[in-house]
Structure formats: structure tokens, C-alpha cells
Amino acid sequence: SKQFAELMQGLIGVESAAGQGSLFWFTAVLRRPPGGGPVPRRLCGVPGGGRCVVVAANPVLRAHLVCYLESFGLRPEPLDSLAAAAAHVAALGESESGPGESRPVLVAAMPVTS
């Protein structure tokens, strides 16, 4: 991970406090493709319209992440705990998916204590 961040002229780190959880972060220099054209709105190879689960205890952070992921054409399901995310994904696995539906392809886990 450190080598990957350094290849992108960035840094990587972690901040941790007992009983509070850990925050993992990284920075990277991202450049536009040659020719100055618009950057395609696609995230990690996930096709537009894909479902994802957003886990963040802080409601403001959760709302911002939802807006950000929606800007990539994803359909985020905001949840406030890892337990809720596990139950949600398990319930999806038990139910029949509709036409064109699939299980969530991305989990954005942010600092949570439960």
C-alpha cells in the first residue's frame, strides 16, 4: 500500500485511538488524461447504476459519501454500523434479485466503533 501511494506521489497513514477506532488515509496526485478531455465518471471499474453499501457512524459524513457515490452513477445504501451492513448484505443474498440487479459491489467503510 505504501509503495502504491508513493508511485502516485502521495502519502499513506493511520490514526488510531484505543476504544475510538482507526482512520486509514492516503493522498495521491491524479492527472487528467492527455488531450484535456473530461474524465469518465466511473469508479473502480464499477458500472453505472451499481449498488453499494456506505457505512459511516457520522450522519454528515454518510450523507456526503452518498452524494459523492451518486455522482458516479452508483446507488448507495447508507447504513450507520457494520452490523447493519452485514445484515443488509445477508438479506440481499437471501432475496431474489430483479432483472439487472446484483448484490452490492462496493463497501465504503468509514470510522465506526461497532
N, C-alpha and C. Protein backbone atom coordinates (compact mmCIF):
# COMPACT_ATOMS: atom_id res chain seq x y z
N SER A 1 0.82 -1.19 0.00
CA SER A 1 0.00 0.00 0.00
C SER A 1 0.86 1.26 0.00
N LYS A 2 1.94 1.23 0.80
CA LYS A 2 2.82 2.39 0.86
C LYS A 2 3.47 2.64 -0.50
N GLN A 3 3.92 1.56 -1.15
CA GLN A 3 4.55 1.70 -2.47
C GLN A 3 3.56 2.26 -3.49
N PHE A 4 2.31 1.80 -3.42
CA PHE A 4 1.29 2.28 -4.35
C PHE A 4 1.06 3.78 -4.16
N ALA A 5 0.94 4.22 -2.91
CA ALA A 5 0.75 5.64 -2.64
C ALA A 5 1.96 6.45 -3.13
N GLU A 6 3.15 5.93 -2.89
CA GLU A 6 4.36 6.64 -3.32
C GLU A 6 4.45 6.71 -4.84
N LEU A 7 4.02 5.65 -5.54
CA LEU A 7 4.01 5.68 -7.00
C LEU A 7 3.09 6.78 -7.53
N MET A 8 2.08 7.10 -6.76
CA MET A 8 1.14 8.15 -7.15
C MET A 8 1.49 9.49 -6.50
N GLN A 9 2.76 9.62 -6.08
CA GLN A 9 3.29 10.83 -5.46
C GLN A 9 2.48 11.25 -4.24
N GLY A 10 2.06 10.27 -3.45
CA GLY A 10 1.24 10.55 -2.28
C GLY A 10 1.80 9.96 -1.00
N LEU A 11 0.99 10.01 0.01
CA LEU A 11 1.33 9.51 1.33
C LEU A 11 0.24 8.56 1.80
N ILE A 12 0.54 7.75 2.82
CA ILE A 12 -0.44 6.86 3.41
C ILE A 12 -0.19 6.85 4.91
N GLY A 13 -1.25 6.71 5.68
CA GLY A 13 -1.08 6.69 7.13
C GLY A 13 -2.29 6.14 7.85
N VAL A 14 -2.15 6.07 9.16
CA VAL A 14 -3.23 5.59 10.01
C VAL A 14 -3.19 6.39 11.31
N GLU A 15 -4.38 6.69 11.82
CA GLU A 15 -4.52 7.32 13.12
C GLU A 15 -5.41 6.40 13.94
N SER A 16 -4.97 6.06 15.15
CA SER A 16 -5.71 5.10 15.94
C SER A 16 -5.77 5.56 17.39
N ALA A 17 -6.92 5.34 18.03
CA ALA A 17 -7.09 5.65 19.44
C ALA A 17 -7.85 4.50 20.09
N ALA A 18 -7.35 4.03 21.21
CA ALA A 18 -7.98 2.91 21.91
C ALA A 18 -9.44 3.23 22.20
N GLY A 19 -10.32 2.31 21.83
CA GLY A 19 -11.74 2.48 22.08
C GLY A 19 -12.45 3.42 21.12
N GLN A 20 -11.71 4.05 20.22
CA GLN A 20 -12.29 5.00 19.28
C GLN A 20 -12.27 4.50 17.84
N GLY A 21 -11.42 3.53 17.56
CA GLY A 21 -11.31 3.02 16.20
C GLY A 21 -10.08 3.57 15.50
N SER A 22 -9.99 3.30 14.22
CA SER A 22 -8.83 3.71 13.42
C SER A 22 -9.28 4.42 12.16
N LEU A 23 -8.48 5.36 11.73
CA LEU A 23 -8.73 6.07 10.49
C LEU A 23 -7.53 5.82 9.57
N PHE A 24 -7.79 5.18 8.44
CA PHE A 24 -6.76 4.93 7.44
C PHE A 24 -6.94 5.95 6.32
N TRP A 25 -5.86 6.57 5.87
CA TRP A 25 -5.98 7.62 4.85
C TRP A 25 -4.83 7.50 3.85
N PHE A 26 -5.05 8.13 2.68
CA PHE A 26 -3.97 8.23 1.71
C PHE A 26 -4.21 9.46 0.84
N THR A 27 -3.15 9.95 0.24
CA THR A 27 -3.25 11.04 -0.73
C THR A 27 -2.61 10.55 -2.02
N ALA A 28 -2.99 11.16 -3.12
CA ALA A 28 -2.45 10.80 -4.43
C ALA A 28 -2.58 11.98 -5.37
N VAL A 29 -1.65 12.09 -6.29
CA VAL A 29 -1.73 13.10 -7.34
C VAL A 29 -2.42 12.47 -8.54
N LEU A 30 -3.55 13.01 -8.92
CA LEU A 30 -4.31 12.49 -10.06
C LEU A 30 -4.30 13.51 -11.18
N ARG A 31 -3.95 13.07 -12.36
CA ARG A 31 -3.88 13.97 -13.50
C ARG A 31 -4.96 13.61 -14.51
N ARG A 32 -5.37 14.61 -15.28
CA ARG A 32 -6.33 14.37 -16.35
C ARG A 32 -5.63 13.65 -17.50
N PRO A 33 -6.39 12.88 -18.28
CA PRO A 33 -5.76 12.19 -19.42
C PRO A 33 -5.27 13.19 -20.46
N PRO A 34 -4.30 12.79 -21.28
CA PRO A 34 -3.80 13.68 -22.33
C PRO A 34 -4.95 14.16 -23.22
N GLY A 35 -4.84 15.39 -23.66
CA GLY A 35 -5.88 15.95 -24.52
C GLY A 35 -6.87 16.80 -23.75
N GLY A 36 -6.83 16.74 -22.42
CA GLY A 36 -7.68 17.59 -21.60
C GLY A 36 -9.16 17.27 -21.65
N GLY A 37 -9.52 16.10 -22.19
CA GLY A 37 -10.93 15.73 -22.25
C GLY A 37 -11.49 15.46 -20.87
N PRO A 38 -12.80 15.32 -20.79
CA PRO A 38 -13.41 15.05 -19.49
C PRO A 38 -13.03 13.66 -18.99
N VAL A 39 -12.92 13.54 -17.68
CA VAL A 39 -12.61 12.26 -17.06
C VAL A 39 -13.91 11.46 -16.97
N PRO A 40 -13.93 10.22 -17.44
CA PRO A 40 -15.15 9.43 -17.34
C PRO A 40 -15.59 9.27 -15.88
N ARG A 41 -16.88 9.39 -15.63
CA ARG A 41 -17.41 9.26 -14.28
C ARG A 41 -17.66 7.78 -13.98
N ARG A 42 -16.60 7.08 -13.64
CA ARG A 42 -16.69 5.67 -13.33
C ARG A 42 -15.76 5.39 -12.16
N LEU A 43 -16.20 4.61 -11.24
CA LEU A 43 -15.45 4.39 -10.02
C LEU A 43 -14.97 2.94 -9.94
N CYS A 44 -13.67 2.73 -9.91
CA CYS A 44 -13.08 1.40 -9.70
C CYS A 44 -13.62 0.35 -10.65
N GLY A 45 -13.95 0.71 -11.86
CA GLY A 45 -14.44 -0.26 -12.82
C GLY A 45 -15.87 -0.70 -12.57
N VAL A 46 -16.55 -0.06 -11.62
CA VAL A 46 -17.94 -0.43 -11.30
C VAL A 46 -18.85 0.24 -12.33
N PRO A 47 -19.70 -0.52 -12.99
CA PRO A 47 -20.59 0.09 -13.98
C PRO A 47 -21.60 1.02 -13.31
N GLY A 48 -22.01 2.06 -14.03
CA GLY A 48 -23.02 2.97 -13.53
C GLY A 48 -24.27 2.22 -13.15
N GLY A 49 -24.94 2.68 -12.11
CA GLY A 49 -26.15 2.03 -11.66
C GLY A 49 -25.90 0.91 -10.67
N GLY A 50 -24.63 0.57 -10.42
CA GLY A 50 -24.31 -0.49 -9.48
C GLY A 50 -24.67 -0.09 -8.05
N ARG A 51 -25.04 -1.09 -7.27
CA ARG A 51 -25.39 -0.84 -5.87
C ARG A 51 -24.15 -0.89 -5.00
N CYS A 52 -24.16 -0.12 -3.92
CA CYS A 52 -23.07 -0.15 -2.96
C CYS A 52 -23.63 0.10 -1.57
N VAL A 53 -22.85 -0.22 -0.57
CA VAL A 53 -23.22 -0.01 0.82
C VAL A 53 -22.24 1.00 1.39
N VAL A 54 -22.76 2.04 2.04
CA VAL A 54 -21.94 3.06 2.68
C VAL A 54 -22.12 2.93 4.19
N VAL A 55 -21.03 2.69 4.91
CA VAL A 55 -21.09 2.55 6.36
C VAL A 55 -20.32 3.71 7.00
N ALA A 56 -21.04 4.54 7.75
CA ALA A 56 -20.41 5.64 8.46
C ALA A 56 -21.30 6.00 9.65
N ALA A 57 -20.72 6.03 10.84
CA ALA A 57 -21.49 6.35 12.04
C ALA A 57 -21.94 7.82 12.02
N ASN A 58 -21.12 8.69 11.45
CA ASN A 58 -21.43 10.12 11.41
C ASN A 58 -22.42 10.40 10.28
N PRO A 59 -23.61 10.92 10.60
CA PRO A 59 -24.62 11.13 9.56
C PRO A 59 -24.22 12.15 8.50
N VAL A 60 -23.43 13.15 8.87
CA VAL A 60 -22.99 14.15 7.89
C VAL A 60 -22.01 13.51 6.90
N LEU A 61 -21.05 12.78 7.43
CA LEU A 61 -20.11 12.07 6.57
C LEU A 61 -20.84 11.09 5.66
N ARG A 62 -21.80 10.36 6.23
CA ARG A 62 -22.57 9.38 5.45
C ARG A 62 -23.30 10.07 4.30
N ALA A 63 -23.92 11.21 4.56
CA ALA A 63 -24.64 11.95 3.52
C ALA A 63 -23.70 12.43 2.42
N HIS A 64 -22.52 12.90 2.80
CA HIS A 64 -21.54 13.35 1.79
C HIS A 64 -21.06 12.19 0.93
N LEU A 65 -20.80 11.05 1.55
CA LEU A 65 -20.36 9.88 0.78
C LEU A 65 -21.44 9.44 -0.20
N VAL A 66 -22.69 9.47 0.24
CA VAL A 66 -23.80 9.09 -0.64
C VAL A 66 -23.84 10.01 -1.85
N CYS A 67 -23.74 11.32 -1.63
CA CYS A 67 -23.76 12.27 -2.75
C CYS A 67 -22.60 12.03 -3.70
N TYR A 68 -21.42 11.78 -3.15
CA TYR A 68 -20.24 11.54 -3.96
C TYR A 68 -20.42 10.29 -4.82
N LEU A 69 -20.87 9.20 -4.21
CA LEU A 69 -21.05 7.96 -4.96
C LEU A 69 -22.17 8.08 -5.99
N GLU A 70 -23.22 8.81 -5.68
CA GLU A 70 -24.29 9.04 -6.65
C GLU A 70 -23.77 9.80 -7.87
N SER A 71 -22.78 10.67 -7.66
CA SER A 71 -22.22 11.43 -8.79
C SER A 71 -21.51 10.51 -9.78
N PHE A 72 -21.16 9.30 -9.35
CA PHE A 72 -20.56 8.30 -10.23
C PHE A 72 -21.62 7.37 -10.82
N GLY A 73 -22.88 7.65 -10.57
CA GLY A 73 -23.95 6.83 -11.10
C GLY A 73 -24.25 5.58 -10.28
N LEU A 74 -23.67 5.50 -9.07
CA LEU A 74 -23.92 4.35 -8.21
C LEU A 74 -25.19 4.59 -7.37
N ARG A 75 -25.72 3.51 -6.82
CA ARG A 75 -26.91 3.59 -5.96
C ARG A 75 -26.52 3.15 -4.55
N PRO A 76 -26.06 4.11 -3.72
CA PRO A 76 -25.60 3.75 -2.39
C PRO A 76 -26.75 3.50 -1.41
N GLU A 77 -26.53 2.57 -0.51
CA GLU A 77 -27.44 2.29 0.61
C GLU A 77 -26.72 2.74 1.87
N PRO A 78 -27.12 3.88 2.47
CA PRO A 78 -26.42 4.39 3.65
C PRO A 78 -26.82 3.65 4.92
N LEU A 79 -25.82 3.21 5.68
CA LEU A 79 -26.05 2.50 6.94
C LEU A 79 -25.10 3.05 7.99
N ASP A 80 -25.49 2.91 9.27
CA ASP A 80 -24.70 3.54 10.33
C ASP A 80 -23.82 2.59 11.13
N SER A 81 -23.80 1.31 10.79
CA SER A 81 -22.94 0.39 11.53
C SER A 81 -22.55 -0.79 10.64
N LEU A 82 -21.46 -1.44 11.03
CA LEU A 82 -21.02 -2.62 10.30
C LEU A 82 -22.03 -3.76 10.47
N ALA A 83 -22.67 -3.84 11.65
CA ALA A 83 -23.69 -4.87 11.87
C ALA A 83 -24.87 -4.67 10.93
N ALA A 84 -25.30 -3.42 10.74
CA ALA A 84 -26.40 -3.14 9.82
C ALA A 84 -26.00 -3.49 8.39
N ALA A 85 -24.75 -3.22 8.03
CA ALA A 85 -24.28 -3.54 6.67
C ALA A 85 -24.26 -5.05 6.46
N ALA A 86 -23.79 -5.79 7.45
CA ALA A 86 -23.75 -7.25 7.32
C ALA A 86 -25.15 -7.82 7.18
N ALA A 87 -26.10 -7.30 7.97
CA ALA A 87 -27.48 -7.77 7.88
C ALA A 87 -28.09 -7.41 6.54
N HIS A 88 -27.79 -6.22 6.04
CA HIS A 88 -28.33 -5.77 4.75
C HIS A 88 -27.82 -6.65 3.61
N VAL A 89 -26.53 -6.90 3.58
CA VAL A 89 -25.94 -7.72 2.52
C VAL A 89 -26.44 -9.16 2.62
N ALA A 90 -26.57 -9.68 3.85
CA ALA A 90 -27.09 -11.04 4.03
C ALA A 90 -28.53 -11.13 3.52
N ALA A 91 -29.36 -10.11 3.81
CA ALA A 91 -30.74 -10.11 3.35
C ALA A 91 -30.81 -10.07 1.83
N LEU A 92 -29.90 -9.32 1.21
CA LEU A 92 -29.87 -9.28 -0.25
C LEU A 92 -29.51 -10.64 -0.83
N GLY A 93 -28.62 -11.35 -0.15
CA GLY A 93 -28.22 -12.67 -0.63
C GLY A 93 -29.35 -13.68 -0.55
N GLU A 94 -30.28 -13.48 0.38
CA GLU A 94 -31.40 -14.41 0.55
C GLU A 94 -32.55 -14.10 -0.39
N SER A 95 -32.63 -12.85 -0.87
CA SER A 95 -33.76 -12.47 -1.71
C SER A 95 -33.41 -12.66 -3.19
N GLU A 96 -34.43 -12.77 -3.97
CA GLU A 96 -34.25 -12.86 -5.42
C GLU A 96 -33.94 -11.47 -5.97
N SER A 97 -32.99 -11.35 -6.82
CA SER A 97 -32.69 -10.08 -7.46
C SER A 97 -33.59 -9.91 -8.67
N GLY A 98 -33.99 -8.66 -8.89
CA GLY A 98 -34.81 -8.36 -10.06
C GLY A 98 -33.96 -8.34 -11.31
N PRO A 99 -34.58 -8.10 -12.47
CA PRO A 99 -33.81 -8.04 -13.72
C PRO A 99 -32.72 -6.99 -13.65
N GLY A 100 -31.52 -7.38 -13.98
CA GLY A 100 -30.40 -6.44 -13.99
C GLY A 100 -29.86 -6.12 -12.61
N GLU A 101 -30.41 -6.72 -11.57
CA GLU A 101 -29.96 -6.43 -10.21
C GLU A 101 -28.81 -7.35 -9.83
N SER A 102 -27.98 -6.88 -8.97
CA SER A 102 -26.90 -7.71 -8.45
C SER A 102 -26.64 -7.30 -7.01
N ARG A 103 -25.86 -8.09 -6.32
CA ARG A 103 -25.50 -7.74 -4.95
C ARG A 103 -24.61 -6.50 -4.98
N PRO A 104 -24.54 -5.76 -3.86
CA PRO A 104 -23.66 -4.58 -3.84
C PRO A 104 -22.24 -4.94 -4.20
N VAL A 105 -21.59 -4.07 -4.94
CA VAL A 105 -20.25 -4.36 -5.42
C VAL A 105 -19.18 -3.57 -4.67
N LEU A 106 -19.59 -2.66 -3.80
CA LEU A 106 -18.63 -1.80 -3.13
C LEU A 106 -19.08 -1.56 -1.70
N VAL A 107 -18.19 -1.67 -0.77
CA VAL A 107 -18.49 -1.30 0.62
C VAL A 107 -17.52 -0.20 1.00
N ALA A 108 -18.04 0.96 1.35
CA ALA A 108 -17.22 2.08 1.78
C ALA A 108 -17.30 2.12 3.30
N ALA A 109 -16.35 1.56 4.00
CA ALA A 109 -16.37 1.50 5.46
C ALA A 109 -15.56 2.66 6.02
N MET A 110 -16.21 3.49 6.76
CA MET A 110 -15.56 4.64 7.38
C MET A 110 -15.49 4.40 8.88
N PRO A 111 -14.82 5.27 9.63
CA PRO A 111 -14.63 5.03 11.06
C PRO A 111 -15.96 4.76 11.78
N VAL A 112 -16.07 3.58 12.34
CA VAL A 112 -17.22 3.20 13.16
C VAL A 112 -16.70 2.45 14.37
N THR A 113 -17.44 2.47 15.45
CA THR A 113 -16.98 1.83 16.67
C THR A 113 -17.71 0.53 16.95
N SER A 114 -18.75 0.21 16.15
CA SER A 114 -19.46 -1.05 16.41
C SER A 114 -19.45 -1.92 15.17
